[in-house]
Amino acid sequence: MNAHSSAEPPKGLRLYRTLFLSSLQLSAFTFGGGYVIVPLMRRRFVEQLHWIDEEEMLDMTAIAQAAPGAMAVNAALLVGYRMAGFVGALVTMAGTILPPLLMLTVISYFYEAFRDNTVVALILKGMRAGVAAVIADVVVTMARGVARERRLLPLLLMAGAFAASYFFAVNVALILLICGAAGALDTLIRRRREEKP
């Protein structure tokens, strides 16, 4: 079975357990925010479990980024809701929130010691390099997904969004609004064309 096909997920408690443990594991071993968790979620739910296809994962990533709040939590909520409805969303949210909550609680008690510790500072510097590599992987993977469609508008939007944010420092919210509006208009036009005999 390839990464683009979907398999039937288990039912009941097995499904909730898999969702919870998957989101818990992804959250516990992911440093660097939402962009870092996306390729790991893709690997888990698209490539390993085959529960979601590539295109749907791209759509969920776009929605998670556009919605207010932490991208990792938004993405987990969407995956949980897609797989098991409202309860699934709660399960994946709990799995995603638990590791940072515990870590931040511990760190808050020892903040002064962590802040001045040279070893901790060096570890965090090393993590930043790893995070940059994972984010680059996300960009390449998502760009391939867009390029596979072989449609001009998505390619132009992708290139334009990159240029606007990198070269012209345009606000990300504005870029998301413009891309979302263009995508909605494009979908509407294509659906109307398909409906015509």
N, C-alpha and C. Protein backbone atom coordinates (compact mmCIF):
# COMPACT_ATOMS: atom_id res chain seq x y z
N MET A 1 0.85 -1.20 0.00
CA MET A 1 0.00 0.00 0.00
C MET A 1 0.88 1.25 0.00
N ASN A 2 0.60 2.21 -0.85
CA ASN A 2 1.44 3.40 -0.93
C ASN A 2 0.93 4.50 -0.03
N ALA A 3 1.69 5.60 0.01
CA ALA A 3 1.38 6.70 0.93
C ALA A 3 0.14 7.45 0.54
N HIS A 4 -0.35 7.23 -0.69
CA HIS A 4 -1.50 8.00 -1.14
C HIS A 4 -2.82 7.27 -0.92
N SER A 5 -2.76 5.99 -0.52
CA SER A 5 -3.99 5.25 -0.28
C SER A 5 -4.33 5.29 1.19
N SER A 6 -5.59 5.03 1.52
CA SER A 6 -5.99 5.07 2.91
C SER A 6 -6.49 3.71 3.35
N ALA A 7 -6.23 3.35 4.60
CA ALA A 7 -6.66 2.08 5.16
C ALA A 7 -7.77 2.34 6.17
N GLU A 8 -8.52 1.28 6.46
CA GLU A 8 -9.60 1.39 7.44
C GLU A 8 -9.00 1.40 8.84
N PRO A 9 -9.23 2.47 9.62
CA PRO A 9 -8.68 2.51 10.98
C PRO A 9 -9.43 1.56 11.91
N PRO A 10 -8.81 1.15 13.04
CA PRO A 10 -9.51 0.30 14.00
C PRO A 10 -10.69 1.05 14.62
N LYS A 11 -11.53 0.33 15.31
CA LYS A 11 -12.71 0.93 15.93
C LYS A 11 -12.54 1.03 17.44
N GLY A 12 -13.35 1.91 18.05
CA GLY A 12 -13.48 1.98 19.50
C GLY A 12 -12.20 2.37 20.22
N LEU A 13 -11.95 1.65 21.33
CA LEU A 13 -10.84 2.00 22.21
C LEU A 13 -9.48 1.88 21.53
N ARG A 14 -9.34 0.91 20.62
CA ARG A 14 -8.05 0.77 19.91
C ARG A 14 -7.75 2.02 19.09
N LEU A 15 -8.76 2.59 18.46
CA LEU A 15 -8.58 3.81 17.68
C LEU A 15 -8.17 4.97 18.58
N TYR A 16 -8.88 5.14 19.70
CA TYR A 16 -8.57 6.23 20.63
C TYR A 16 -7.17 6.06 21.21
N ARG A 17 -6.82 4.81 21.54
CA ARG A 17 -5.49 4.56 22.11
C ARG A 17 -4.39 4.90 21.10
N THR A 18 -4.59 4.49 19.84
CA THR A 18 -3.60 4.79 18.80
C THR A 18 -3.48 6.29 18.57
N LEU A 19 -4.61 6.97 18.53
CA LEU A 19 -4.60 8.42 18.35
C LEU A 19 -3.87 9.11 19.50
N PHE A 20 -4.20 8.70 20.73
CA PHE A 20 -3.60 9.34 21.90
C PHE A 20 -2.09 9.08 21.95
N LEU A 21 -1.69 7.82 21.80
CA LEU A 21 -0.26 7.49 21.88
C LEU A 21 0.53 8.10 20.74
N SER A 22 -0.06 8.16 19.55
CA SER A 22 0.63 8.77 18.41
C SER A 22 0.85 10.26 18.65
N SER A 23 -0.21 10.96 19.07
CA SER A 23 -0.07 12.41 19.30
C SER A 23 0.82 12.69 20.51
N LEU A 24 0.77 11.83 21.53
CA LEU A 24 1.64 11.98 22.71
C LEU A 24 3.11 11.83 22.30
N GLN A 25 3.39 10.80 21.52
CA GLN A 25 4.77 10.55 21.09
C GLN A 25 5.28 11.68 20.20
N LEU A 26 4.45 12.10 19.24
CA LEU A 26 4.86 13.19 18.34
C LEU A 26 5.14 14.47 19.12
N SER A 27 4.27 14.78 20.07
CA SER A 27 4.43 16.01 20.85
C SER A 27 5.64 15.94 21.78
N ALA A 28 5.86 14.77 22.39
CA ALA A 28 6.94 14.62 23.37
C ALA A 28 8.32 14.72 22.73
N PHE A 29 8.44 14.31 21.47
CA PHE A 29 9.76 14.29 20.84
C PHE A 29 9.90 15.31 19.71
N THR A 30 9.06 16.33 19.75
CA THR A 30 9.12 17.38 18.74
C THR A 30 9.49 18.71 19.38
N PHE A 31 10.55 19.31 18.91
CA PHE A 31 10.96 20.61 19.41
C PHE A 31 10.98 21.59 18.25
N GLY A 32 10.39 22.78 18.45
CA GLY A 32 10.47 23.79 17.42
C GLY A 32 9.13 24.24 16.86
N GLY A 33 8.03 23.80 17.43
CA GLY A 33 6.74 24.33 17.02
C GLY A 33 6.02 23.51 15.98
N GLY A 34 4.93 24.10 15.46
CA GLY A 34 4.01 23.40 14.59
C GLY A 34 4.59 22.91 13.29
N TYR A 35 5.50 23.68 12.68
CA TYR A 35 6.05 23.27 11.39
C TYR A 35 6.87 22.00 11.52
N VAL A 36 7.40 21.76 12.70
CA VAL A 36 8.22 20.57 12.91
C VAL A 36 7.34 19.33 13.06
N ILE A 37 6.17 19.48 13.67
CA ILE A 37 5.31 18.32 13.92
C ILE A 37 4.61 17.85 12.65
N VAL A 38 4.44 18.74 11.66
CA VAL A 38 3.70 18.38 10.45
C VAL A 38 4.33 17.21 9.70
N PRO A 39 5.66 17.22 9.39
CA PRO A 39 6.21 16.07 8.67
C PRO A 39 6.13 14.77 9.47
N LEU A 40 6.21 14.90 10.81
CA LEU A 40 6.12 13.71 11.65
C LEU A 40 4.69 13.16 11.66
N MET A 41 3.70 14.06 11.68
CA MET A 41 2.30 13.62 11.59
C MET A 41 2.05 12.98 10.23
N ARG A 42 2.60 13.58 9.21
CA ARG A 42 2.46 13.03 7.86
C ARG A 42 3.04 11.62 7.81
N ARG A 43 4.24 11.47 8.35
CA ARG A 43 4.88 10.15 8.34
C ARG A 43 4.04 9.11 9.09
N ARG A 44 3.48 9.54 10.24
CA ARG A 44 2.71 8.61 11.07
C ARG A 44 1.35 8.26 10.44
N PHE A 45 0.57 9.28 10.07
CA PHE A 45 -0.80 9.03 9.65
C PHE A 45 -0.96 8.76 8.15
N VAL A 46 -0.02 9.26 7.34
CA VAL A 46 -0.10 9.03 5.89
C VAL A 46 0.73 7.81 5.49
N GLU A 47 2.01 7.79 5.90
CA GLU A 47 2.91 6.75 5.41
C GLU A 47 2.84 5.46 6.23
N GLN A 48 2.72 5.56 7.56
CA GLN A 48 2.73 4.34 8.39
C GLN A 48 1.34 3.73 8.56
N LEU A 49 0.38 4.54 9.01
CA LEU A 49 -0.96 4.02 9.28
C LEU A 49 -1.86 4.03 8.04
N HIS A 50 -1.56 4.87 7.05
CA HIS A 50 -2.35 4.99 5.82
C HIS A 50 -3.81 5.37 6.11
N TRP A 51 -4.02 6.18 7.13
CA TRP A 51 -5.38 6.61 7.49
C TRP A 51 -5.81 7.85 6.71
N ILE A 52 -4.84 8.66 6.30
CA ILE A 52 -5.11 9.92 5.61
C ILE A 52 -4.26 9.96 4.36
N ASP A 53 -4.79 10.51 3.28
CA ASP A 53 -3.95 10.60 2.08
C ASP A 53 -3.19 11.93 2.06
N GLU A 54 -2.25 11.99 1.14
CA GLU A 54 -1.31 13.14 1.07
C GLU A 54 -2.03 14.47 0.90
N GLU A 55 -3.01 14.50 -0.01
CA GLU A 55 -3.71 15.75 -0.30
C GLU A 55 -4.51 16.23 0.91
N GLU A 56 -5.14 15.30 1.62
CA GLU A 56 -5.92 15.67 2.80
C GLU A 56 -5.01 16.21 3.91
N MET A 57 -3.81 15.62 4.03
CA MET A 57 -2.85 16.11 5.03
C MET A 57 -2.41 17.53 4.70
N LEU A 58 -2.21 17.83 3.42
CA LEU A 58 -1.86 19.19 3.01
C LEU A 58 -2.99 20.17 3.35
N ASP A 59 -4.23 19.74 3.11
CA ASP A 59 -5.38 20.60 3.44
C ASP A 59 -5.45 20.86 4.94
N MET A 60 -5.25 19.81 5.73
CA MET A 60 -5.29 19.96 7.20
C MET A 60 -4.18 20.89 7.68
N THR A 61 -3.01 20.79 7.06
CA THR A 61 -1.89 21.66 7.43
C THR A 61 -2.23 23.12 7.15
N ALA A 62 -2.85 23.36 6.00
CA ALA A 62 -3.24 24.74 5.64
C ALA A 62 -4.27 25.29 6.62
N ILE A 63 -5.26 24.46 6.98
CA ILE A 63 -6.29 24.90 7.93
C ILE A 63 -5.68 25.14 9.31
N ALA A 64 -4.80 24.23 9.73
CA ALA A 64 -4.16 24.35 11.05
C ALA A 64 -3.34 25.62 11.15
N GLN A 65 -2.68 25.99 10.04
CA GLN A 65 -1.86 27.20 10.04
C GLN A 65 -2.73 28.45 10.04
N ALA A 66 -3.83 28.38 9.30
CA ALA A 66 -4.69 29.57 9.18
C ALA A 66 -5.53 29.81 10.43
N ALA A 67 -5.83 28.76 11.18
CA ALA A 67 -6.67 28.90 12.38
C ALA A 67 -5.88 29.53 13.52
N PRO A 68 -6.56 30.26 14.41
CA PRO A 68 -5.85 30.82 15.58
C PRO A 68 -5.41 29.72 16.54
N GLY A 69 -4.32 29.99 17.23
CA GLY A 69 -3.82 29.02 18.20
C GLY A 69 -2.56 28.32 17.71
N ALA A 70 -2.07 27.41 18.54
CA ALA A 70 -0.83 26.68 18.21
C ALA A 70 -1.08 25.72 17.05
N MET A 71 -0.19 25.76 16.07
CA MET A 71 -0.38 24.95 14.87
C MET A 71 -0.37 23.46 15.18
N ALA A 72 0.50 23.02 16.09
CA ALA A 72 0.58 21.59 16.43
C ALA A 72 -0.73 21.10 17.02
N VAL A 73 -1.33 21.90 17.90
CA VAL A 73 -2.60 21.53 18.52
C VAL A 73 -3.71 21.54 17.48
N ASN A 74 -3.73 22.56 16.62
CA ASN A 74 -4.74 22.64 15.56
C ASN A 74 -4.67 21.43 14.64
N ALA A 75 -3.46 21.06 14.24
CA ALA A 75 -3.29 19.91 13.34
C ALA A 75 -3.74 18.62 14.02
N ALA A 76 -3.38 18.46 15.29
CA ALA A 76 -3.80 17.27 16.04
C ALA A 76 -5.32 17.20 16.17
N LEU A 77 -5.93 18.35 16.45
CA LEU A 77 -7.39 18.41 16.55
C LEU A 77 -8.05 17.97 15.24
N LEU A 78 -7.53 18.47 14.12
CA LEU A 78 -8.10 18.13 12.81
C LEU A 78 -7.96 16.64 12.50
N VAL A 79 -6.78 16.09 12.78
CA VAL A 79 -6.56 14.66 12.54
C VAL A 79 -7.49 13.84 13.44
N GLY A 80 -7.56 14.19 14.72
CA GLY A 80 -8.43 13.47 15.65
C GLY A 80 -9.89 13.54 15.25
N TYR A 81 -10.34 14.72 14.83
CA TYR A 81 -11.73 14.89 14.42
C TYR A 81 -12.01 14.11 13.14
N ARG A 82 -11.06 14.13 12.22
CA ARG A 82 -11.22 13.39 10.95
C ARG A 82 -11.33 11.89 11.20
N MET A 83 -10.57 11.38 12.18
CA MET A 83 -10.55 9.94 12.41
C MET A 83 -11.67 9.46 13.33
N ALA A 84 -12.05 10.27 14.34
CA ALA A 84 -12.99 9.77 15.36
C ALA A 84 -13.93 10.85 15.89
N GLY A 85 -14.19 11.88 15.11
CA GLY A 85 -15.15 12.89 15.52
C GLY A 85 -14.69 13.72 16.71
N PHE A 86 -15.66 14.20 17.49
CA PHE A 86 -15.38 15.11 18.60
C PHE A 86 -14.50 14.45 19.67
N VAL A 87 -14.80 13.19 19.99
CA VAL A 87 -14.02 12.48 21.02
C VAL A 87 -12.58 12.29 20.52
N GLY A 88 -12.42 11.97 19.25
CA GLY A 88 -11.07 11.83 18.69
C GLY A 88 -10.28 13.12 18.76
N ALA A 89 -10.97 14.26 18.52
CA ALA A 89 -10.31 15.56 18.63
C ALA A 89 -9.84 15.81 20.06
N LEU A 90 -10.68 15.47 21.04
CA LEU A 90 -10.30 15.64 22.45
C LEU A 90 -9.12 14.75 22.81
N VAL A 91 -9.13 13.52 22.31
CA VAL A 91 -8.06 12.55 22.61
C VAL A 91 -6.72 13.04 22.05
N THR A 92 -6.71 13.46 20.78
CA THR A 92 -5.45 13.93 20.19
C THR A 92 -4.99 15.24 20.81
N MET A 93 -5.95 16.09 21.19
CA MET A 93 -5.58 17.34 21.85
C MET A 93 -4.90 17.05 23.19
N ALA A 94 -5.47 16.11 23.95
CA ALA A 94 -4.88 15.75 25.25
C ALA A 94 -3.47 15.19 25.05
N GLY A 95 -3.30 14.32 24.06
CA GLY A 95 -1.99 13.75 23.79
C GLY A 95 -0.97 14.78 23.35
N THR A 96 -1.42 15.79 22.64
CA THR A 96 -0.51 16.84 22.15
C THR A 96 -0.14 17.84 23.25
N ILE A 97 -1.09 18.16 24.11
CA ILE A 97 -0.87 19.18 25.14
C ILE A 97 -0.09 18.64 26.34
N LEU A 98 -0.28 17.37 26.67
CA LEU A 98 0.30 16.81 27.89
C LEU A 98 1.83 16.94 28.01
N PRO A 99 2.63 16.52 27.00
CA PRO A 99 4.09 16.64 27.15
C PRO A 99 4.59 18.07 27.38
N PRO A 100 4.16 19.08 26.57
CA PRO A 100 4.65 20.43 26.86
C PRO A 100 4.19 20.96 28.21
N LEU A 101 2.98 20.58 28.62
CA LEU A 101 2.47 21.03 29.91
C LEU A 101 3.36 20.51 31.04
N LEU A 102 3.71 19.22 30.98
CA LEU A 102 4.58 18.64 32.02
C LEU A 102 5.98 19.24 31.97
N MET A 103 6.53 19.40 30.76
CA MET A 103 7.88 19.95 30.63
C MET A 103 7.95 21.38 31.14
N LEU A 104 6.97 22.19 30.75
CA LEU A 104 6.97 23.59 31.18
C LEU A 104 6.75 23.72 32.68
N THR A 105 5.98 22.82 33.25
CA THR A 105 5.78 22.83 34.70
C THR A 105 7.09 22.56 35.41
N VAL A 106 7.83 21.56 34.95
CA VAL A 106 9.13 21.23 35.56
C VAL A 106 10.11 22.37 35.36
N ILE A 107 10.18 22.89 34.12
CA ILE A 107 11.13 23.97 33.82
C ILE A 107 10.84 25.21 34.64
N SER A 108 9.56 25.51 34.86
CA SER A 108 9.21 26.71 35.62
C SER A 108 9.76 26.67 37.05
N TYR A 109 9.85 25.46 37.61
CA TYR A 109 10.40 25.33 38.97
C TYR A 109 11.91 25.53 38.99
N PHE A 110 12.58 25.21 37.88
CA PHE A 110 14.03 25.28 37.85
C PHE A 110 14.52 26.29 36.80
N TYR A 111 13.71 27.32 36.53
CA TYR A 111 14.01 28.25 35.45
C TYR A 111 15.36 28.94 35.62
N GLU A 112 15.62 29.41 36.81
CA GLU A 112 16.88 30.16 37.04
C GLU A 112 18.10 29.29 36.78
N ALA A 113 18.03 28.03 37.19
CA ALA A 113 19.16 27.12 36.97
C ALA A 113 19.32 26.81 35.47
N PHE A 114 18.19 26.62 34.78
CA PHE A 114 18.25 26.35 33.34
C PHE A 114 18.77 27.55 32.57
N ARG A 115 18.31 28.75 32.96
CA ARG A 115 18.64 29.96 32.22
C ARG A 115 20.13 30.21 32.16
N ASP A 116 20.83 29.96 33.24
CA ASP A 116 22.27 30.26 33.31
C ASP A 116 23.16 29.06 33.03
N ASN A 117 22.59 27.92 32.69
CA ASN A 117 23.38 26.71 32.48
C ASN A 117 23.95 26.69 31.06
N THR A 118 25.27 26.59 30.95
CA THR A 118 25.95 26.60 29.64
C THR A 118 25.58 25.38 28.81
N VAL A 119 25.48 24.21 29.45
CA VAL A 119 25.16 22.97 28.73
C VAL A 119 23.77 23.07 28.11
N VAL A 120 22.79 23.57 28.88
CA VAL A 120 21.43 23.72 28.36
C VAL A 120 21.42 24.69 27.17
N ALA A 121 22.17 25.79 27.27
CA ALA A 121 22.24 26.76 26.17
C ALA A 121 22.82 26.11 24.90
N LEU A 122 23.85 25.28 25.05
CA LEU A 122 24.45 24.60 23.89
C LEU A 122 23.49 23.58 23.28
N ILE A 123 22.77 22.85 24.15
CA ILE A 123 21.78 21.88 23.66
C ILE A 123 20.71 22.58 22.84
N LEU A 124 20.23 23.72 23.35
CA LEU A 124 19.19 24.47 22.63
C LEU A 124 19.70 24.99 21.29
N LYS A 125 20.99 25.40 21.23
CA LYS A 125 21.57 25.83 19.95
C LYS A 125 21.59 24.69 18.95
N GLY A 126 21.97 23.51 19.43
CA GLY A 126 21.97 22.33 18.56
C GLY A 126 20.58 21.98 18.07
N MET A 127 19.60 22.12 18.95
CA MET A 127 18.21 21.84 18.57
C MET A 127 17.73 22.78 17.47
N ARG A 128 18.18 24.05 17.54
CA ARG A 128 17.76 25.01 16.52
C ARG A 128 18.20 24.57 15.13
N ALA A 129 19.40 24.00 15.02
CA ALA A 129 19.88 23.51 13.72
C ALA A 129 19.01 22.36 13.23
N GLY A 130 18.65 21.45 14.14
CA GLY A 130 17.77 20.34 13.79
C GLY A 130 16.39 20.81 13.35
N VAL A 131 15.87 21.81 14.06
CA VAL A 131 14.55 22.36 13.73
C VAL A 131 14.58 22.98 12.33
N ALA A 132 15.65 23.69 12.00
CA ALA A 132 15.77 24.30 10.67
C ALA A 132 15.74 23.23 9.58
N ALA A 133 16.41 22.11 9.82
CA ALA A 133 16.43 21.02 8.84
C ALA A 133 15.04 20.41 8.66
N VAL A 134 14.31 20.23 9.77
CA VAL A 134 12.96 19.64 9.69
C VAL A 134 12.01 20.58 8.97
N ILE A 135 12.12 21.89 9.24
CA ILE A 135 11.26 22.87 8.56
C ILE A 135 11.55 22.87 7.06
N ALA A 136 12.83 22.77 6.70
CA ALA A 136 13.19 22.69 5.27
C ALA A 136 12.55 21.46 4.63
N ASP A 137 12.54 20.34 5.37
CA ASP A 137 11.90 19.11 4.88
C ASP A 137 10.41 19.32 4.64
N VAL A 138 9.74 20.04 5.55
CA VAL A 138 8.31 20.33 5.40
C VAL A 138 8.06 21.13 4.13
N VAL A 139 8.88 22.16 3.91
CA VAL A 139 8.71 23.02 2.74
C VAL A 139 8.87 22.21 1.46
N VAL A 140 9.91 21.37 1.39
CA VAL A 140 10.16 20.58 0.19
C VAL A 140 9.02 19.58 -0.05
N THR A 141 8.58 18.90 1.03
CA THR A 141 7.52 17.89 0.91
C THR A 141 6.21 18.52 0.44
N MET A 142 5.84 19.66 1.05
CA MET A 142 4.60 20.32 0.67
C MET A 142 4.69 20.90 -0.75
N ALA A 143 5.86 21.41 -1.11
CA ALA A 143 6.05 21.95 -2.46
C ALA A 143 5.91 20.85 -3.50
N ARG A 144 6.42 19.65 -3.19
CA ARG A 144 6.27 18.52 -4.12
C ARG A 144 4.80 18.17 -4.31
N GLY A 145 4.05 18.19 -3.20
CA GLY A 145 2.62 17.89 -3.27
C GLY A 145 1.88 18.88 -4.16
N VAL A 146 2.24 20.15 -4.06
CA VAL A 146 1.62 21.18 -4.90
C VAL A 146 2.06 21.01 -6.36
N ALA A 147 3.34 20.73 -6.56
CA ALA A 147 3.88 20.59 -7.93
C ALA A 147 3.27 19.38 -8.64
N ARG A 148 2.94 18.32 -7.88
CA ARG A 148 2.35 17.11 -8.47
C ARG A 148 1.01 17.39 -9.15
N GLU A 149 0.30 18.40 -8.66
CA GLU A 149 -1.00 18.73 -9.25
C GLU A 149 -0.86 19.28 -10.67
N ARG A 150 0.30 19.85 -10.98
CA ARG A 150 0.59 20.42 -12.30
C ARG A 150 -0.45 21.45 -12.72
N ARG A 151 -0.79 22.30 -11.76
CA ARG A 151 -1.73 23.39 -12.03
C ARG A 151 -0.99 24.70 -11.77
N LEU A 152 -1.23 25.68 -12.62
CA LEU A 152 -0.48 26.93 -12.58
C LEU A 152 -0.79 27.77 -11.33
N LEU A 153 -2.08 27.90 -10.98
CA LEU A 153 -2.46 28.78 -9.86
C LEU A 153 -1.80 28.39 -8.54
N PRO A 154 -1.88 27.10 -8.11
CA PRO A 154 -1.21 26.75 -6.86
C PRO A 154 0.29 27.02 -6.87
N LEU A 155 0.93 26.78 -8.02
CA LEU A 155 2.38 27.05 -8.12
C LEU A 155 2.67 28.54 -8.00
N LEU A 156 1.85 29.36 -8.65
CA LEU A 156 2.03 30.81 -8.56
C LEU A 156 1.78 31.31 -7.13
N LEU A 157 0.74 30.78 -6.49
CA LEU A 157 0.45 31.18 -5.10
C LEU A 157 1.59 30.79 -4.17
N MET A 158 2.13 29.57 -4.36
CA MET A 158 3.22 29.12 -3.52
C MET A 158 4.45 30.01 -3.70
N ALA A 159 4.83 30.28 -4.95
CA ALA A 159 5.99 31.13 -5.22
C ALA A 159 5.75 32.56 -4.73
N GLY A 160 4.54 33.07 -4.95
CA GLY A 160 4.21 34.43 -4.52
C GLY A 160 4.21 34.57 -3.01
N ALA A 161 3.67 33.56 -2.30
CA ALA A 161 3.65 33.59 -0.84
C ALA A 161 5.07 33.59 -0.28
N PHE A 162 5.93 32.75 -0.87
CA PHE A 162 7.33 32.69 -0.43
C PHE A 162 8.03 34.04 -0.66
N ALA A 163 7.86 34.60 -1.85
CA ALA A 163 8.50 35.87 -2.18
C ALA A 163 7.98 37.00 -1.30
N ALA A 164 6.65 37.02 -1.08
CA ALA A 164 6.06 38.09 -0.27
C ALA A 164 6.54 38.06 1.17
N SER A 165 6.67 36.84 1.74
CA SER A 165 7.09 36.76 3.14
C SER A 165 8.60 36.91 3.30
N TYR A 166 9.38 36.36 2.36
CA TYR A 166 10.83 36.37 2.51
C TYR A 166 11.46 37.68 2.05
N PHE A 167 11.06 38.17 0.89
CA PHE A 167 11.71 39.36 0.32
C PHE A 167 11.03 40.67 0.71
N PHE A 168 9.73 40.64 0.91
CA PHE A 168 9.00 41.88 1.16
C PHE A 168 8.41 41.99 2.56
N ALA A 169 8.63 40.97 3.39
CA ALA A 169 8.17 40.94 4.80
C ALA A 169 6.68 41.27 4.94
N VAL A 170 5.86 40.73 4.02
CA VAL A 170 4.41 40.92 4.10
C VAL A 170 3.88 40.09 5.26
N ASN A 171 2.92 40.64 5.99
CA ASN A 171 2.33 39.94 7.13
C ASN A 171 1.76 38.59 6.70
N VAL A 172 2.08 37.54 7.48
CA VAL A 172 1.64 36.18 7.15
C VAL A 172 0.12 36.07 7.10
N ALA A 173 -0.56 36.77 8.00
CA ALA A 173 -2.03 36.73 8.02
C ALA A 173 -2.61 37.22 6.69
N LEU A 174 -2.01 38.26 6.14
CA LEU A 174 -2.47 38.81 4.86
C LEU A 174 -2.22 37.80 3.73
N ILE A 175 -1.05 37.18 3.76
CA ILE A 175 -0.73 36.16 2.75
C ILE A 175 -1.73 35.01 2.80
N LEU A 176 -2.05 34.55 4.02
CA LEU A 176 -3.01 33.46 4.19
C LEU A 176 -4.39 33.84 3.68
N LEU A 177 -4.81 35.08 3.98
CA LEU A 177 -6.12 35.54 3.51
C LEU A 177 -6.19 35.58 1.98
N ILE A 178 -5.15 36.11 1.36
CA ILE A 178 -5.11 36.22 -0.11
C ILE A 178 -5.09 34.83 -0.75
N CYS A 179 -4.23 33.94 -0.23
CA CYS A 179 -4.15 32.58 -0.78
C CYS A 179 -5.45 31.81 -0.56
N GLY A 180 -6.05 31.98 0.62
CA GLY A 180 -7.32 31.32 0.90
C GLY A 180 -8.43 31.79 -0.03
N ALA A 181 -8.50 33.10 -0.24
CA ALA A 181 -9.51 33.66 -1.13
C ALA A 181 -9.30 33.19 -2.57
N ALA A 182 -8.04 33.17 -3.00
CA ALA A 182 -7.73 32.72 -4.37
C ALA A 182 -8.07 31.24 -4.53
N GLY A 183 -7.75 30.43 -3.51
CA GLY A 183 -8.06 29.01 -3.57
C GLY A 183 -9.57 28.75 -3.59
N ALA A 184 -10.31 29.51 -2.78
CA ALA A 184 -11.78 29.36 -2.73
C ALA A 184 -12.39 29.73 -4.08
N LEU A 185 -11.91 30.83 -4.66
CA LEU A 185 -12.42 31.28 -5.95
C LEU A 185 -12.10 30.26 -7.05
N ASP A 186 -10.88 29.73 -7.02
CA ASP A 186 -10.47 28.72 -8.00
C ASP A 186 -11.33 27.47 -7.88
N THR A 187 -11.60 27.02 -6.67
CA THR A 187 -12.44 25.83 -6.45
C THR A 187 -13.85 26.06 -6.96
N LEU A 188 -14.38 27.25 -6.66
CA LEU A 188 -15.74 27.59 -7.10
C LEU A 188 -15.84 27.58 -8.62
N ILE A 189 -14.85 28.17 -9.29
CA ILE A 189 -14.84 28.21 -10.77
C ILE A 189 -14.73 26.80 -11.35
N ARG A 190 -13.85 25.97 -10.77
CA ARG A 190 -13.69 24.61 -11.28
C ARG A 190 -14.95 23.78 -11.09
N ARG A 191 -15.61 23.94 -9.94
CA ARG A 191 -16.85 23.18 -9.70
C ARG A 191 -17.95 23.59 -10.67
N ARG A 192 -18.03 24.89 -10.95
CA ARG A 192 -19.04 25.35 -11.91
C ARG A 192 -18.76 24.81 -13.31
N ARG A 193 -17.48 24.73 -13.66
CA ARG A 193 -17.12 24.16 -14.97
C ARG A 193 -17.48 22.68 -15.04
N GLU A 194 -17.27 21.96 -13.94
CA GLU A 194 -17.57 20.53 -13.91
C GLU A 194 -19.08 20.28 -13.98
N GLU A 195 -19.87 21.21 -13.41
CA GLU A 195 -21.32 21.04 -13.42
C GLU A 195 -21.93 21.29 -14.80
N LYS A 196 -21.23 22.09 -15.62
CA LYS A 196 -21.75 22.37 -16.96
C LYS A 196 -21.64 21.13 -17.83
N PRO A 197 -22.68 20.85 -18.65
CA PRO A 197 -22.64 19.63 -19.49
C PRO A 197 -21.60 19.75 -20.60
